[in-house]
């Protein structure tokens, strides 16, 4: 990437890294650390042609989530103003844009994909 003076890096964190999740200190702190890494590397490589960004999703509908008890899914989606899980396609399309040439003036930023849970 440095030789070509072009690159796109995206790290997938979690909204837990921005807000914290009760009872999930290890998970939340590692995701917060990843968000800090995105901020630092974004600045470190800002003039190199390489962008470093992140994604902080809320709960995304995956086979793992589908296997959870409905009460757990209801608890998680109750925190989301849209009252639903995100879809894999939504995450894939946002990641696709983040790593595209069109995302050329954003680096060191973590995009929220939270259905309105995070509005800051």
PDB file of N, CA and C in Angstrom:
ATOM      1  N   UNK A   1       0.826  -1.183   0.000  1.00  0.00           N
ATOM      2  CA  UNK A   1       0.000   0.000   0.000  1.00  0.00           C
ATOM      3  C   UNK A   1       0.874   1.253   0.000  1.00  0.00           C
ATOM      4  N   UNK A   2       1.901   1.246   0.826  1.00  0.00           N
ATOM      5  CA  UNK A   2       2.773   2.417   0.874  1.00  0.00           C
ATOM      6  C   UNK A   2       3.473   2.642  -0.458  1.00  0.00           C
ATOM      7  N   UNK A   3       3.922   1.566  -1.092  1.00  0.00           N
ATOM      8  CA  UNK A   3       4.590   1.699  -2.384  1.00  0.00           C
ATOM      9  C   UNK A   3       3.646   2.243  -3.452  1.00  0.00           C
ATOM     10  N   UNK A   4       2.410   1.800  -3.416  1.00  0.00           N
ATOM     11  CA  UNK A   4       1.424   2.246  -4.406  1.00  0.00           C
ATOM     12  C   UNK A   4       0.788   3.587  -4.035  1.00  0.00           C
ATOM     13  N   UNK A   5       1.024   4.042  -2.801  1.00  0.00           N
ATOM     14  CA  UNK A   5       0.431   5.281  -2.295  1.00  0.00           C
ATOM     15  C   UNK A   5      -1.094   5.251  -2.358  1.00  0.00           C
ATOM     16  N   UNK A   6      -1.630   4.057  -2.090  1.00  0.00           N
ATOM     17  CA  UNK A   6      -3.079   3.884  -2.092  1.00  0.00           C
ATOM     18  C   UNK A   6      -3.427   2.636  -1.288  1.00  0.00           C
ATOM     19  N   UNK A   7      -4.457   2.755  -0.479  1.00  0.00           N
ATOM     20  CA  UNK A   7      -4.965   1.595   0.231  1.00  0.00           C
ATOM     21  C   UNK A   7      -6.177   1.965   1.060  1.00  0.00           C
ATOM     22  N   UNK A   8      -6.941   0.966   1.362  1.00  0.00           N
ATOM     23  CA  UNK A   8      -8.126   1.137   2.202  1.00  0.00           C
ATOM     24  C   UNK A   8      -8.113   0.027   3.240  1.00  0.00           C
ATOM     25  N   UNK A   9      -8.226   0.424   4.500  1.00  0.00           N
ATOM     26  CA  UNK A   9      -8.285  -0.530   5.603  1.00  0.00           C
ATOM     27  C   UNK A   9      -9.560  -0.243   6.385  1.00  0.00           C
ATOM     28  N   UNK A  10     -10.301  -1.291   6.699  1.00  0.00           N
ATOM     29  CA  UNK A  10     -11.494  -1.144   7.533  1.00  0.00           C
ATOM     30  C   UNK A  10     -11.433  -2.195   8.635  1.00  0.00           C
ATOM     31  N   UNK A  11     -11.649  -1.749   9.854  1.00  0.00           N
ATOM     32  CA  UNK A  11     -11.709  -2.632  11.021  1.00  0.00           C
ATOM     33  C   UNK A  11     -13.156  -2.670  11.497  1.00  0.00           C
ATOM     34  N   UNK A  12     -13.645  -3.859  11.819  1.00  0.00           N
ATOM     35  CA  UNK A  12     -15.008  -3.985  12.329  1.00  0.00           C
ATOM     36  C   UNK A  12     -14.938  -4.101  13.847  1.00  0.00           C
ATOM     37  N   UNK A  13     -15.488  -3.099  14.518  1.00  0.00           N
ATOM     38  CA  UNK A  13     -15.519  -3.050  15.977  1.00  0.00           C
ATOM     39  C   UNK A  13     -16.944  -3.385  16.418  1.00  0.00           C
ATOM     40  N   UNK A  14     -17.517  -2.565  17.259  1.00  0.00           N
ATOM     41  CA  UNK A  14     -18.877  -2.761  17.762  1.00  0.00           C
ATOM     42  C   UNK A  14     -19.318  -1.484  18.456  1.00  0.00           C
ATOM     43  N   UNK A  15     -20.611  -1.270  18.499  1.00  0.00           N
ATOM     44  CA  UNK A  15     -21.123  -0.137  19.256  1.00  0.00           C
ATOM     45  C   UNK A  15     -20.755  -0.278  20.736  1.00  0.00           C
ATOM     46  N   UNK A  16     -20.490  -1.492  21.172  1.00  0.00           N
ATOM     47  CA  UNK A  16     -20.047  -1.716  22.550  1.00  0.00           C
ATOM     48  C   UNK A  16     -18.734  -0.996  22.835  1.00  0.00           C
ATOM     49  N   UNK A  17     -17.929  -0.778  21.814  1.00  0.00           N
ATOM     50  CA  UNK A  17     -16.684  -0.052  21.983  1.00  0.00           C
ATOM     51  C   UNK A  17     -16.887   1.434  22.199  1.00  0.00           C
ATOM     52  N   UNK A  18     -18.022   1.948  21.801  1.00  0.00           N
ATOM     53  CA  UNK A  18     -18.342   3.361  22.004  1.00  0.00           C
ATOM     54  C   UNK A  18     -19.188   3.574  23.246  1.00  0.00           C
ATOM     55  N   UNK A  19     -20.102   2.654  23.531  1.00  0.00           N
ATOM     56  CA  UNK A  19     -21.052   2.839  24.625  1.00  0.00           C
ATOM     57  C   UNK A  19     -20.788   1.931  25.818  1.00  0.00           C
ATOM     58  N   UNK A  20     -20.093   0.837  25.610  1.00  0.00           N
ATOM     59  CA  UNK A  20     -19.936  -0.166  26.660  1.00  0.00           C
ATOM     60  C   UNK A  20     -21.204  -0.987  26.800  1.00  0.00           C
ATOM     61  N   UNK A  21     -21.060  -2.234  27.113  1.00  0.00           N
ATOM     62  CA  UNK A  21     -22.198  -3.108  27.377  1.00  0.00           C
ATOM     63  C   UNK A  21     -22.041  -3.674  28.778  1.00  0.00           C
ATOM     64  N   UNK A  22     -23.048  -3.538  29.595  1.00  0.00           N
ATOM     65  CA  UNK A  22     -23.003  -4.054  30.967  1.00  0.00           C
ATOM     66  C   UNK A  22     -22.666  -5.538  30.954  1.00  0.00           C
ATOM     67  N   UNK A  23     -21.773  -5.927  31.841  1.00  0.00           N
ATOM     68  CA  UNK A  23     -21.415  -7.335  31.959  1.00  0.00           C
ATOM     69  C   UNK A  23     -20.484  -7.834  30.864  1.00  0.00           C
ATOM     70  N   UNK A  24     -20.002  -6.946  30.017  1.00  0.00           N
ATOM     71  CA  UNK A  24     -19.149  -7.352  28.892  1.00  0.00           C
ATOM     72  C   UNK A  24     -17.885  -6.493  28.841  1.00  0.00           C
ATOM     73  N   UNK A  25     -17.201  -6.387  29.977  1.00  0.00           N
ATOM     74  CA  UNK A  25     -16.034  -5.504  30.069  1.00  0.00           C
ATOM     75  C   UNK A  25     -14.942  -5.892  29.075  1.00  0.00           C
ATOM     76  N   UNK A  26     -14.628  -7.157  28.970  1.00  0.00           N
ATOM     77  CA  UNK A  26     -13.551  -7.578  28.069  1.00  0.00           C
ATOM     78  C   UNK A  26     -13.919  -7.271  26.612  1.00  0.00           C
ATOM     79  N   UNK A  27     -15.121  -7.614  26.213  1.00  0.00           N
ATOM     80  CA  UNK A  27     -15.563  -7.369  24.840  1.00  0.00           C
ATOM     81  C   UNK A  27     -15.589  -5.873  24.536  1.00  0.00           C
ATOM     82  N   UNK A  28     -16.231  -5.110  25.414  1.00  0.00           N
ATOM     83  CA  UNK A  28     -16.367  -3.668  25.184  1.00  0.00           C
ATOM     84  C   UNK A  28     -15.008  -2.986  25.138  1.00  0.00           C
ATOM     85  N   UNK A  29     -14.098  -3.359  26.028  1.00  0.00           N
ATOM     86  CA  UNK A  29     -12.793  -2.696  26.057  1.00  0.00           C
ATOM     87  C   UNK A  29     -11.944  -3.050  24.852  1.00  0.00           C
ATOM     88  N   UNK A  30     -12.035  -4.277  24.351  1.00  0.00           N
ATOM     89  CA  UNK A  30     -11.261  -4.609  23.149  1.00  0.00           C
ATOM     90  C   UNK A  30     -11.810  -3.874  21.930  1.00  0.00           C
ATOM     91  N   UNK A  31     -13.106  -3.709  21.848  1.00  0.00           N
ATOM     92  CA  UNK A  31     -13.689  -2.963  20.735  1.00  0.00           C
ATOM     93  C   UNK A  31     -13.345  -1.478  20.842  1.00  0.00           C
ATOM     94  N   UNK A  32     -13.300  -0.941  22.052  1.00  0.00           N
ATOM     95  CA  UNK A  32     -12.876   0.451  22.243  1.00  0.00           C
ATOM     96  C   UNK A  32     -11.416   0.620  21.829  1.00  0.00           C
ATOM     97  N   UNK A  33     -10.596  -0.366  22.145  1.00  0.00           N
ATOM     98  CA  UNK A  33      -9.196  -0.325  21.729  1.00  0.00           C
ATOM     99  C   UNK A  33      -9.051  -0.333  20.222  1.00  0.00           C
ATOM    100  N   UNK A  34      -9.878  -1.106  19.551  1.00  0.00           N
ATOM    101  CA  UNK A  34      -9.849  -1.150  18.086  1.00  0.00           C
ATOM    102  C   UNK A  34     -10.245   0.204  17.504  1.00  0.00           C
ATOM    103  N   UNK A  35     -11.227   0.851  18.101  1.00  0.00           N
ATOM    104  CA  UNK A  35     -11.634   2.187  17.652  1.00  0.00           C
ATOM    105  C   UNK A  35     -10.490   3.175  17.855  1.00  0.00           C
ATOM    106  N   UNK A  36      -9.780   3.082  18.967  1.00  0.00           N
ATOM    107  CA  UNK A  36      -8.609   3.925  19.193  1.00  0.00           C
ATOM    108  C   UNK A  36      -7.511   3.664  18.172  1.00  0.00           C
ATOM    109  N   UNK A  37      -7.333   2.407  17.800  1.00  0.00           N
ATOM    110  CA  UNK A  37      -6.351   2.057  16.774  1.00  0.00           C
ATOM    111  C   UNK A  37      -6.710   2.697  15.437  1.00  0.00           C
ATOM    112  N   UNK A  38      -7.977   2.661  15.077  1.00  0.00           N
ATOM    113  CA  UNK A  38      -8.446   3.288  13.836  1.00  0.00           C
ATOM    114  C   UNK A  38      -8.123   4.778  13.846  1.00  0.00           C
ATOM    115  N   UNK A  39      -8.411   5.447  14.955  1.00  0.00           N
ATOM    116  CA  UNK A  39      -8.141   6.887  15.046  1.00  0.00           C
ATOM    117  C   UNK A  39      -6.653   7.178  14.881  1.00  0.00           C
ATOM    118  N   UNK A  40      -5.826   6.411  15.551  1.00  0.00           N
ATOM    119  CA  UNK A  40      -4.384   6.645  15.505  1.00  0.00           C
ATOM    120  C   UNK A  40      -3.805   6.344  14.128  1.00  0.00           C
ATOM    121  N   UNK A  41      -4.132   5.181  13.572  1.00  0.00           N
ATOM    122  CA  UNK A  41      -3.590   4.829  12.261  1.00  0.00           C
ATOM    123  C   UNK A  41      -4.118   5.747  11.170  1.00  0.00           C
ATOM    124  N   UNK A  42      -5.362   6.189  11.309  1.00  0.00           N
ATOM    125  CA  UNK A  42      -5.903   7.137  10.339  1.00  0.00           C
ATOM    126  C   UNK A  42      -5.058   8.394  10.273  1.00  0.00           C
ATOM    127  N   UNK A  43      -4.639   8.880  11.430  1.00  0.00           N
ATOM    128  CA  UNK A  43      -3.777  10.067  11.472  1.00  0.00           C
ATOM    129  C   UNK A  43      -2.367   9.744  10.995  1.00  0.00           C
ATOM    130  N   UNK A  44      -1.850   8.588  11.408  1.00  0.00           N
ATOM    131  CA  UNK A  44      -0.486   8.216  11.024  1.00  0.00           C
ATOM    132  C   UNK A  44      -0.315   8.106   9.512  1.00  0.00           C
ATOM    133  N   UNK A  45      -1.330   7.635   8.819  1.00  0.00           N
ATOM    134  CA  UNK A  45      -1.230   7.392   7.378  1.00  0.00           C
ATOM    135  C   UNK A  45      -2.018   8.391   6.535  1.00  0.00           C
ATOM    136  N   UNK A  46      -2.463   9.477   7.132  1.00  0.00           N
ATOM    137  CA  UNK A  46      -3.337  10.430   6.451  1.00  0.00           C
ATOM    138  C   UNK A  46      -2.747  10.990   5.163  1.00  0.00           C
ATOM    139  N   UNK A  47      -1.455  11.159   5.090  1.00  0.00           N
ATOM    140  CA  UNK A  47      -0.837  11.739   3.893  1.00  0.00           C
ATOM    141  C   UNK A  47      -0.272  10.686   2.944  1.00  0.00           C
ATOM    142  N   UNK A  48      -0.542   9.434   3.227  1.00  0.00           N
ATOM    143  CA  UNK A  48       0.066   8.346   2.456  1.00  0.00           C
ATOM    144  C   UNK A  48      -0.784   7.841   1.298  1.00  0.00           C
ATOM    145  N   UNK A  49      -2.058   8.272   1.246  1.00  0.00           N
ATOM    146  CA  UNK A  49      -2.979   7.706   0.263  1.00  0.00           C
ATOM    147  C   UNK A  49      -3.730   6.499   0.810  1.00  0.00           C
ATOM    148  N   UNK A  50      -3.419   6.133   2.049  1.00  0.00           N
ATOM    149  CA  UNK A  50      -4.075   5.002   2.709  1.00  0.00           C
ATOM    150  C   UNK A  50      -5.068   5.558   3.729  1.00  0.00           C
ATOM    151  N   UNK A  51      -6.295   5.089   3.671  1.00  0.00           N
ATOM    152  CA  UNK A  51      -7.275   5.458   4.677  1.00  0.00           C
ATOM    153  C   UNK A  51      -7.494   4.274   5.609  1.00  0.00           C
ATOM    154  N   UNK A  52      -7.719   4.593   6.867  1.00  0.00           N
ATOM    155  CA  UNK A  52      -7.989   3.575   7.883  1.00  0.00           C
ATOM    156  C   UNK A  52      -9.263   3.998   8.600  1.00  0.00           C
ATOM    157  N   UNK A  53     -10.303   3.220   8.451  1.00  0.00           N
ATOM    158  CA  UNK A  53     -11.590   3.527   9.062  1.00  0.00           C
ATOM    159  C   UNK A  53     -12.142   2.294   9.755  1.00  0.00           C
ATOM    160  N   UNK A  54     -13.227   2.477  10.466  1.00  0.00           N
ATOM    161  CA  UNK A  54     -13.843   1.378  11.188  1.00  0.00           C
ATOM    162  C   UNK A  54     -15.352   1.378  11.034  1.00  0.00           C
ATOM    163  N   UNK A  55     -15.940   0.312  11.531  1.00  0.00           N
ATOM    164  CA  UNK A  55     -17.387   0.150  11.532  1.00  0.00           C
ATOM    165  C   UNK A  55     -17.781  -0.325  12.924  1.00  0.00           C
ATOM    166  N   UNK A  56     -18.767   0.333  13.520  1.00  0.00           N
ATOM    167  CA  UNK A  56     -19.259  -0.048  14.842  1.00  0.00           C
ATOM    168  C   UNK A  56     -20.741  -0.406  14.739  1.00  0.00           C
ATOM    169  N   UNK A  57     -21.029  -1.653  14.412  1.00  0.00           N
ATOM    170  CA  UNK A  57     -22.430  -2.046  14.293  1.00  0.00           C
ATOM    171  C   UNK A  57     -23.060  -2.382  15.641  1.00  0.00           C
ATOM    172  N   UNK A  58     -24.370  -2.249  15.672  1.00  0.00           N
ATOM    173  CA  UNK A  58     -25.153  -2.846  16.752  1.00  0.00           C
ATOM    174  C   UNK A  58     -25.342  -4.310  16.335  1.00  0.00           C
ATOM    175  N   UNK A  59     -26.365  -4.950  16.814  1.00  0.00           N
ATOM    176  CA  UNK A  59     -26.560  -6.367  16.495  1.00  0.00           C
ATOM    177  C   UNK A  59     -26.940  -6.533  15.022  1.00  0.00           C
ATOM    178  N   UNK A  60     -26.227  -7.430  14.352  1.00  0.00           N
ATOM    179  CA  UNK A  60     -26.461  -7.731  12.938  1.00  0.00           C
ATOM    180  C   UNK A  60     -27.016  -9.150  12.853  1.00  0.00           C
ATOM    181  N   UNK A  61     -28.031  -9.333  12.036  1.00  0.00           N
ATOM    182  CA  UNK A  61     -28.652 -10.655  11.892  1.00  0.00           C
ATOM    183  C   UNK A  61     -27.666 -11.605  11.203  1.00  0.00           C
ATOM    184  N   UNK A  62     -27.184 -12.544  11.963  1.00  0.00           N
ATOM    185  CA  UNK A  62     -26.266 -13.571  11.473  1.00  0.00           C
ATOM    186  C   UNK A  62     -26.783 -14.920  11.951  1.00  0.00           C
ATOM    187  N   UNK A  63     -26.223 -16.018  11.473  1.00  0.00           N
ATOM    188  CA  UNK A  63     -26.644 -17.315  12.017  1.00  0.00           C
ATOM    189  C   UNK A  63     -26.445 -17.417  13.534  1.00  0.00           C
ATOM    190  N   UNK A  64     -25.391 -16.790  14.060  1.00  0.00           N
ATOM    191  CA  UNK A  64     -25.171 -16.805  15.502  1.00  0.00           C
ATOM    192  C   UNK A  64     -26.314 -16.107  16.237  1.00  0.00           C
ATOM    193  N   UNK A  65     -26.738 -14.948  15.725  1.00  0.00           N
ATOM    194  CA  UNK A  65     -27.842 -14.220  16.351  1.00  0.00           C
ATOM    195  C   UNK A  65     -29.142 -15.000  16.203  1.00  0.00           C
ATOM    196  N   UNK A  66     -29.353 -15.603  15.054  1.00  0.00           N
ATOM    197  CA  UNK A  66     -30.578 -16.369  14.827  1.00  0.00           C
ATOM    198  C   UNK A  66     -30.703 -17.538  15.809  1.00  0.00           C
ATOM    199  N   UNK A  67     -29.575 -18.037  16.303  1.00  0.00           N
ATOM    200  CA  UNK A  67     -29.593 -19.161  17.242  1.00  0.00           C
ATOM    201  C   UNK A  67     -29.878 -18.730  18.680  1.00  0.00           C
ATOM    202  N   UNK A  68     -29.888 -17.426  18.937  1.00  0.00           N
ATOM    203  CA  UNK A  68     -30.147 -16.928  20.289  1.00  0.00           C
ATOM    204  C   UNK A  68     -31.628 -17.062  20.635  1.00  0.00           C
ATOM    205  N   UNK A  69     -31.951 -17.150  21.917  1.00  0.00           N
ATOM    206  CA  UNK A  69     -33.364 -17.131  22.315  1.00  0.00           C
ATOM    207  C   UNK A  69     -34.008 -15.810  21.891  1.00  0.00           C
ATOM    208  N   UNK A  70     -35.255 -15.863  21.513  1.00  0.00           N
ATOM    209  CA  UNK A  70     -35.960 -14.664  21.065  1.00  0.00           C
ATOM    210  C   UNK A  70     -35.936 -13.574  22.128  1.00  0.00           C
ATOM    211  N   UNK A  71     -35.994 -13.950  23.389  1.00  0.00           N
ATOM    212  CA  UNK A  71     -35.956 -12.950  24.469  1.00  0.00           C
ATOM    213  C   UNK A  71     -34.646 -12.166  24.446  1.00  0.00           C
ATOM    214  N   UNK A  72     -33.560 -12.805  24.109  1.00  0.00           N
ATOM    215  CA  UNK A  72     -32.262 -12.130  24.020  1.00  0.00           C
ATOM    216  C   UNK A  72     -32.248 -11.168  22.849  1.00  0.00           C
ATOM    217  N   UNK A  73     -32.775 -11.597  21.717  1.00  0.00           N
ATOM    218  CA  UNK A  73     -32.848 -10.730  20.542  1.00  0.00           C
ATOM    219  C   UNK A  73     -33.744  -9.530  20.832  1.00  0.00           C
ATOM    220  N   UNK A  74     -34.864  -9.769  21.495  1.00  0.00           N
ATOM    221  CA  UNK A  74     -35.776  -8.676  21.859  1.00  0.00           C
ATOM    222  C   UNK A  74     -35.082  -7.676  22.781  1.00  0.00           C
ATOM    223  N   UNK A  75     -34.290  -8.170  23.736  1.00  0.00           N
ATOM    224  CA  UNK A  75     -33.554  -7.295  24.649  1.00  0.00           C
ATOM    225  C   UNK A  75     -32.576  -6.420  23.870  1.00  0.00           C
ATOM    226  N   UNK A  76     -31.856  -7.021  22.929  1.00  0.00           N
ATOM    227  CA  UNK A  76     -30.862  -6.265  22.155  1.00  0.00           C
ATOM    228  C   UNK A  76     -31.526  -5.248  21.231  1.00  0.00           C
ATOM    229  N   UNK A  77     -32.580  -5.629  20.570  1.00  0.00           N
ATOM    230  CA  UNK A  77     -33.215  -4.711  19.619  1.00  0.00           C
ATOM    231  C   UNK A  77     -34.049  -3.635  20.316  1.00  0.00           C
ATOM    232  N   UNK A  78     -34.402  -3.831  21.579  1.00  0.00           N
ATOM    233  CA  UNK A  78     -35.139  -2.804  22.322  1.00  0.00           C
ATOM    234  C   UNK A  78     -34.313  -1.535  22.475  1.00  0.00           C
ATOM    235  N   UNK A  79     -32.984  -1.656  22.429  1.00  0.00           N
ATOM    236  CA  UNK A  79     -32.090  -0.499  22.542  1.00  0.00           C
ATOM    237  C   UNK A  79     -31.940   0.244  21.214  1.00  0.00           C
ATOM    238  N   UNK A  80     -32.431  -0.346  20.149  1.00  0.00           N
ATOM    239  CA  UNK A  80     -32.285   0.207  18.802  1.00  0.00           C
ATOM    240  C   UNK A  80     -33.589   0.901  18.414  1.00  0.00           C
ATOM    241  N   UNK A  81     -33.563   2.215  18.121  1.00  0.00           N
ATOM    242  CA  UNK A  81     -34.800   2.909  17.768  1.00  0.00           C
ATOM    243  C   UNK A  81     -35.556   2.281  16.592  1.00  0.00           C
ATOM    244  N   UNK A  82     -34.860   1.655  15.662  1.00  0.00           N
ATOM    245  CA  UNK A  82     -35.553   0.983  14.551  1.00  0.00           C
ATOM    246  C   UNK A  82     -36.142  -0.359  14.981  1.00  0.00           C
ATOM    247  N   UNK A  83     -35.819  -0.816  16.180  1.00  0.00           N
ATOM    248  CA  UNK A  83     -36.337  -2.059  16.765  1.00  0.00           C
ATOM    249  C   UNK A  83     -36.154  -3.271  15.858  1.00  0.00           C
ATOM    250  N   UNK A  84     -34.964  -3.356  15.271  1.00  0.00           N
ATOM    251  CA  UNK A  84     -34.656  -4.538  14.455  1.00  0.00           C
ATOM    252  C   UNK A  84     -33.150  -4.725  14.424  1.00  0.00           C
ATOM    253  N   UNK A  85     -32.748  -5.881  13.979  1.00  0.00           N
ATOM    254  CA  UNK A  85     -31.332  -6.148  13.745  1.00  0.00           C
ATOM    255  C   UNK A  85     -30.921  -5.522  12.421  1.00  0.00           C
ATOM    256  N   UNK A  86     -29.656  -5.197  12.320  1.00  0.00           N
ATOM    257  CA  UNK A  86     -29.113  -4.818  11.023  1.00  0.00           C
ATOM    258  C   UNK A  86     -28.968  -6.067  10.176  1.00  0.00           C
ATOM    259  N   UNK A  87     -28.908  -5.882   8.895  1.00  0.00           N
ATOM    260  CA  UNK A  87     -28.756  -7.016   7.971  1.00  0.00           C
ATOM    261  C   UNK A  87     -27.318  -7.069   7.455  1.00  0.00           C
ATOM    262  N   UNK A  88     -26.847  -8.272   7.167  1.00  0.00           N
ATOM    263  CA  UNK A  88     -25.492  -8.441   6.637  1.00  0.00           C
ATOM    264  C   UNK A  88     -25.281  -7.609   5.373  1.00  0.00           C
ATOM    265  N   UNK A  89     -26.276  -7.536   4.521  1.00  0.00           N
ATOM    266  CA  UNK A  89     -26.152  -6.764   3.287  1.00  0.00           C
ATOM    267  C   UNK A  89     -25.919  -5.284   3.578  1.00  0.00           C
ATOM    268  N   UNK A  90     -26.572  -4.767   4.612  1.00  0.00           N
ATOM    269  CA  UNK A  90     -26.357  -3.368   4.988  1.00  0.00           C
ATOM    270  C   UNK A  90     -24.921  -3.136   5.424  1.00  0.00           C
ATOM    271  N   UNK A  91     -24.390  -4.051   6.218  1.00  0.00           N
ATOM    272  CA  UNK A  91     -22.988  -3.933   6.652  1.00  0.00           C
ATOM    273  C   UNK A  91     -22.049  -4.072   5.463  1.00  0.00           C
ATOM    274  N   UNK A  92     -22.324  -5.015   4.589  1.00  0.00           N
ATOM    275  CA  UNK A  92     -21.458  -5.232   3.426  1.00  0.00           C
ATOM    276  C   UNK A  92     -21.433  -4.017   2.506  1.00  0.00           C
ATOM    277  N   UNK A  93     -22.576  -3.393   2.305  1.00  0.00           N
ATOM    278  CA  UNK A  93     -22.615  -2.226   1.419  1.00  0.00           C
ATOM    279  C   UNK A  93     -21.879  -1.039   2.024  1.00  0.00           C
ATOM    280  N   UNK A  94     -21.991  -0.841   3.336  1.00  0.00           N
ATOM    281  CA  UNK A  94     -21.252   0.249   3.973  1.00  0.00           C
ATOM    282  C   UNK A  94     -19.754  -0.027   3.928  1.00  0.00           C
ATOM    283  N   UNK A  95     -19.356  -1.252   4.222  1.00  0.00           N
ATOM    284  CA  UNK A  95     -17.942  -1.609   4.131  1.00  0.00           C
ATOM    285  C   UNK A  95     -17.443  -1.431   2.704  1.00  0.00           C
ATOM    286  N   UNK A  96     -18.244  -1.828   1.733  1.00  0.00           N
ATOM    287  CA  UNK A  96     -17.864  -1.659   0.324  1.00  0.00           C
ATOM    288  C   UNK A  96     -17.580  -0.208  -0.014  1.00  0.00           C
ATOM    289  N   UNK A  97     -18.382   0.702   0.521  1.00  0.00           N
ATOM    290  CA  UNK A  97     -18.137   2.121   0.256  1.00  0.00           C
ATOM    291  C   UNK A  97     -16.895   2.601   0.993  1.00  0.00           C
ATOM    292  N   UNK A  98     -16.721   2.184   2.247  1.00  0.00           N
ATOM    293  CA  UNK A  98     -15.567   2.609   3.033  1.00  0.00           C
ATOM    294  C   UNK A  98     -14.260   2.228   2.343  1.00  0.00           C
ATOM    295  N   UNK A  99     -14.227   1.073   1.701  1.00  0.00           N
ATOM    296  CA  UNK A  99     -12.988   0.621   1.058  1.00  0.00           C
ATOM    297  C   UNK A  99     -12.908   1.022  -0.416  1.00  0.00           C
ATOM    298  N   UNK A 100     -13.871   1.801  -0.885  1.00  0.00           N
ATOM    299  CA  UNK A 100     -13.875   2.214  -2.283  1.00  0.00           C
ATOM    300  C   UNK A 100     -13.092   3.506  -2.481  1.00  0.00           C
ATOM    301  N   UNK A 101     -12.724   3.807  -3.722  1.00  0.00           N
ATOM    302  CA  UNK A 101     -12.076   5.090  -4.013  1.00  0.00           C
ATOM    303  C   UNK A 101     -12.949   6.293  -3.655  1.00  0.00           C
ATOM    304  N   UNK A 102     -14.266   6.104  -3.612  1.00  0.00           N
ATOM    305  CA  UNK A 102     -15.171   7.213  -3.287  1.00  0.00           C
ATOM    306  C   UNK A 102     -14.983   7.722  -1.858  1.00  0.00           C
ATOM    307  N   UNK A 103     -14.506   6.872  -0.975  1.00  0.00           N
ATOM    308  CA  UNK A 103     -14.281   7.264   0.421  1.00  0.00           C
ATOM    309  C   UNK A 103     -12.828   7.734   0.543  1.00  0.00           C
ATOM    310  N   UNK A 104     -12.561   8.876  -0.042  1.00  0.00           N
ATOM    311  CA  UNK A 104     -11.182   9.345  -0.144  1.00  0.00           C
ATOM    312  C   UNK A 104     -10.812  10.456   0.837  1.00  0.00           C
ATOM    313  N   UNK A 105     -11.787  11.052   1.503  1.00  0.00           N
ATOM    314  CA  UNK A 105     -11.510  12.168   2.402  1.00  0.00           C
ATOM    315  C   UNK A 105     -11.902  11.853   3.843  1.00  0.00           C
ATOM    316  N   UNK A 106     -12.074  10.568   4.135  1.00  0.00           N
ATOM    317  CA  UNK A 106     -12.403  10.147   5.489  1.00  0.00           C
ATOM    318  C   UNK A 106     -11.381   9.119   5.934  1.00  0.00           C
ATOM    319  N   UNK A 107     -10.722   9.415   7.042  1.00  0.00           N
ATOM    320  CA  UNK A 107      -9.786   8.468   7.644  1.00  0.00           C
ATOM    321  C   UNK A 107      -9.795   8.653   9.144  1.00  0.00           C
ATOM    322  N   UNK A 108      -9.560   7.591   9.870  1.00  0.00           N
ATOM    323  CA  UNK A 108      -9.560   7.652  11.318  1.00  0.00           C
ATOM    324  C   UNK A 108     -10.950   7.707  11.928  1.00  0.00           C
ATOM    325  N   UNK A 109     -11.953   7.375  11.149  1.00  0.00           N
ATOM    326  CA  UNK A 109     -13.345   7.497  11.600  1.00  0.00           C
ATOM    327  C   UNK A 109     -13.970   6.115  11.731  1.00  0.00           C
ATOM    328  N   UNK A 110     -14.822   5.952  12.737  1.00  0.00           N
ATOM    329  CA  UNK A 110     -15.582   4.718  12.896  1.00  0.00           C
ATOM    330  C   UNK A 110     -17.052   5.018  12.642  1.00  0.00           C
ATOM    331  N   UNK A 111     -17.560   4.427  11.581  1.00  0.00           N
ATOM    332  CA  UNK A 111     -18.954   4.610  11.177  1.00  0.00           C
ATOM    333  C   UNK A 111     -19.873   3.776  12.067  1.00  0.00           C
ATOM    334  N   UNK A 112     -20.981   4.357  12.484  1.00  0.00           N
ATOM    335  CA  UNK A 112     -21.990   3.617  13.235  1.00  0.00           C
ATOM    336  C   UNK A 112     -22.957   2.952  12.266  1.00  0.00           C
ATOM    337  N   UNK A 113     -23.361   1.748  12.606  1.00  0.00           N
ATOM    338  CA  UNK A 113     -24.401   1.023  11.873  1.00  0.00           C
ATOM    339  C   UNK A 113     -25.322   0.461  12.944  1.00  0.00           C
ATOM    340  N   UNK A 114     -26.169   1.348  13.484  1.00  0.00           N
ATOM    341  CA  UNK A 114     -26.862   1.020  14.729  1.00  0.00           C
ATOM    342  C   UNK A 114     -28.374   1.212  14.717  1.00  0.00           C
ATOM    343  N   UNK A 115     -28.937   1.531  13.593  1.00  0.00           N
ATOM    344  CA  UNK A 115     -30.390   1.724  13.563  1.00  0.00           C
ATOM    345  C   UNK A 115     -30.866   2.855  14.445  1.00  0.00           C
ATOM    346  N   UNK A 116     -29.979   3.829  14.694  1.00  0.00           N
ATOM    347  CA  UNK A 116     -30.337   4.977  15.522  1.00  0.00           C
ATOM    348  C   UNK A 116     -29.906   4.861  16.975  1.00  0.00           C
ATOM    349  N   UNK A 117     -29.298   3.728  17.344  1.00  0.00           N
ATOM    350  CA  UNK A 117     -28.871   3.575  18.749  1.00  0.00           C
ATOM    351  C   UNK A 117     -27.814   4.627  19.107  1.00  0.00           C
ATOM    352  N   UNK A 118     -26.884   4.864  18.206  1.00  0.00           N
ATOM    353  CA  UNK A 118     -25.852   5.870  18.439  1.00  0.00           C
ATOM    354  C   UNK A 118     -26.116   7.028  17.479  1.00  0.00           C
ATOM    355  N   UNK A 119     -26.328   8.189  18.025  1.00  0.00           N
ATOM    356  CA  UNK A 119     -26.627   9.353  17.177  1.00  0.00           C
ATOM    357  C   UNK A 119     -25.682  10.512  17.510  1.00  0.00           C
ATOM    358  N   UNK A 120     -24.437  10.184  17.755  1.00  0.00           N
ATOM    359  CA  UNK A 120     -23.440  11.205  18.081  1.00  0.00           C
ATOM    360  C   UNK A 120     -22.263  11.086  17.159  1.00  0.00           C
TER     361      UNK A 120
END
